[in-house]
């Protein structure tokens, strides 16, 4: 189950970056970053009527390691 953030009045604690910068850093499209926000996987901060920013450290936390499909010594 994905982590979902409720709308709260918390303030950012780290470096805020644009959605475009976040997409480049995560090597995904800006649509994907917006999808993560709408699905609650990533918290966004509104900086004006339309401008959104995300915390760089929180974006990096979205990435999860994938366990190896094969154990040591198994052929791929």
C-alpha atoms as a PDB file:
ATOM      1  CA  UNK A   1       0.000   0.000   0.000  1.00  0.00           C
ATOM      2  CA  UNK A   2       1.379   3.414  -0.888  1.00  0.00           C
ATOM      3  CA  UNK A   3       2.018   6.047   1.699  1.00  0.00           C
ATOM      4  CA  UNK A   4      -0.646   8.744   1.508  1.00  0.00           C
ATOM      5  CA  UNK A   5      -0.242  12.256   2.854  1.00  0.00           C
ATOM      6  CA  UNK A   6      -3.221  14.097   4.208  1.00  0.00           C
ATOM      7  CA  UNK A   7      -3.644  17.795   3.493  1.00  0.00           C
ATOM      8  CA  UNK A   8      -2.099  19.441   6.465  1.00  0.00           C
ATOM      9  CA  UNK A   9      -0.526  22.779   7.139  1.00  0.00           C
ATOM     10  CA  UNK A  10       2.996  21.407   7.604  1.00  0.00           C
ATOM     11  CA  UNK A  11       5.792  23.523   6.275  1.00  0.00           C
ATOM     12  CA  UNK A  12       8.704  22.265   4.204  1.00  0.00           C
ATOM     13  CA  UNK A  13      11.908  21.383   6.019  1.00  0.00           C
ATOM     14  CA  UNK A  14      14.291  20.897   3.092  1.00  0.00           C
ATOM     15  CA  UNK A  15      15.202  22.292  -0.307  1.00  0.00           C
ATOM     16  CA  UNK A  16      12.179  22.883  -2.537  1.00  0.00           C
ATOM     17  CA  UNK A  17      12.497  22.157  -6.250  1.00  0.00           C
ATOM     18  CA  UNK A  18      10.148  22.587  -9.193  1.00  0.00           C
ATOM     19  CA  UNK A  19       8.218  19.678 -10.663  1.00  0.00           C
ATOM     20  CA  UNK A  20      10.366  19.909 -13.788  1.00  0.00           C
ATOM     21  CA  UNK A  21      13.562  19.683 -11.686  1.00  0.00           C
ATOM     22  CA  UNK A  22      12.043  16.782  -9.745  1.00  0.00           C
ATOM     23  CA  UNK A  23      11.256  14.950 -12.983  1.00  0.00           C
ATOM     24  CA  UNK A  24      14.822  15.383 -14.239  1.00  0.00           C
ATOM     25  CA  UNK A  25      16.276  14.242 -10.912  1.00  0.00           C
ATOM     26  CA  UNK A  26      14.024  11.161 -10.774  1.00  0.00           C
ATOM     27  CA  UNK A  27      14.464  10.487 -14.509  1.00  0.00           C
ATOM     28  CA  UNK A  28      10.697  10.423 -15.087  1.00  0.00           C
ATOM     29  CA  UNK A  29       8.245  12.753 -16.798  1.00  0.00           C
ATOM     30  CA  UNK A  30       6.685  15.720 -15.015  1.00  0.00           C
ATOM     31  CA  UNK A  31       3.333  13.923 -15.498  1.00  0.00           C
ATOM     32  CA  UNK A  32       4.663  11.098 -13.354  1.00  0.00           C
ATOM     33  CA  UNK A  33       5.681  13.543 -10.614  1.00  0.00           C
ATOM     34  CA  UNK A  34       2.180  15.054 -10.723  1.00  0.00           C
ATOM     35  CA  UNK A  35       0.714  11.536 -10.531  1.00  0.00           C
ATOM     36  CA  UNK A  36       2.832  10.769  -7.450  1.00  0.00           C
ATOM     37  CA  UNK A  37       1.477  13.939  -5.851  1.00  0.00           C
ATOM     38  CA  UNK A  38      -2.155  13.167  -6.701  1.00  0.00           C
ATOM     39  CA  UNK A  39      -1.794   9.566  -5.434  1.00  0.00           C
ATOM     40  CA  UNK A  40      -0.260  10.786  -2.180  1.00  0.00           C
ATOM     41  CA  UNK A  41       3.207   9.285  -2.686  1.00  0.00           C
ATOM     42  CA  UNK A  42       4.837  12.730  -2.686  1.00  0.00           C
ATOM     43  CA  UNK A  43       3.878  15.893  -0.832  1.00  0.00           C
ATOM     44  CA  UNK A  44       3.752  19.150  -2.786  1.00  0.00           C
ATOM     45  CA  UNK A  45       3.766  22.712  -1.503  1.00  0.00           C
ATOM     46  CA  UNK A  46       1.771  25.416  -3.236  1.00  0.00           C
ATOM     47  CA  UNK A  47       3.796  28.579  -3.770  1.00  0.00           C
ATOM     48  CA  UNK A  48       1.046  30.548  -5.489  1.00  0.00           C
ATOM     49  CA  UNK A  49      -2.264  29.922  -7.218  1.00  0.00           C
ATOM     50  CA  UNK A  50      -0.693  27.412  -9.661  1.00  0.00           C
ATOM     51  CA  UNK A  51       2.962  26.921  -8.716  1.00  0.00           C
ATOM     52  CA  UNK A  52       3.918  23.673  -6.946  1.00  0.00           C
ATOM     53  CA  UNK A  53       7.213  22.636  -5.399  1.00  0.00           C
ATOM     54  CA  UNK A  54       8.396  19.384  -3.789  1.00  0.00           C
ATOM     55  CA  UNK A  55      11.134  18.684  -1.275  1.00  0.00           C
ATOM     56  CA  UNK A  56      14.244  17.217  -2.869  1.00  0.00           C
ATOM     57  CA  UNK A  57      14.897  14.758  -0.006  1.00  0.00           C
ATOM     58  CA  UNK A  58      11.297  13.557  -0.006  1.00  0.00           C
ATOM     59  CA  UNK A  59      11.482  12.958  -3.767  1.00  0.00           C
ATOM     60  CA  UNK A  60      14.598  10.831  -3.279  1.00  0.00           C
ATOM     61  CA  UNK A  61      12.708   8.880  -0.591  1.00  0.00           C
ATOM     62  CA  UNK A  62      10.071   7.811  -3.125  1.00  0.00           C
ATOM     63  CA  UNK A  63      12.613   5.493  -4.738  1.00  0.00           C
ATOM     64  CA  UNK A  64      12.625   2.043  -3.184  1.00  0.00           C
ATOM     65  CA  UNK A  65      15.272  -0.645  -3.769  1.00  0.00           C
ATOM     66  CA  UNK A  66      14.077  -3.644  -5.749  1.00  0.00           C
ATOM     67  CA  UNK A  67      15.122  -7.024  -4.361  1.00  0.00           C
ATOM     68  CA  UNK A  68      17.210  -9.182  -6.659  1.00  0.00           C
ATOM     69  CA  UNK A  69      15.252 -11.803  -8.581  1.00  0.00           C
ATOM     70  CA  UNK A  70      18.111 -14.312  -8.313  1.00  0.00           C
ATOM     71  CA  UNK A  71      20.245 -15.308  -5.366  1.00  0.00           C
ATOM     72  CA  UNK A  72      24.039 -15.523  -5.410  1.00  0.00           C
ATOM     73  CA  UNK A  73      25.259 -18.127  -7.881  1.00  0.00           C
ATOM     74  CA  UNK A  74      21.973 -18.294  -9.816  1.00  0.00           C
ATOM     75  CA  UNK A  75      22.231 -17.821 -13.556  1.00  0.00           C
ATOM     76  CA  UNK A  76      20.367 -14.893 -15.041  1.00  0.00           C
END
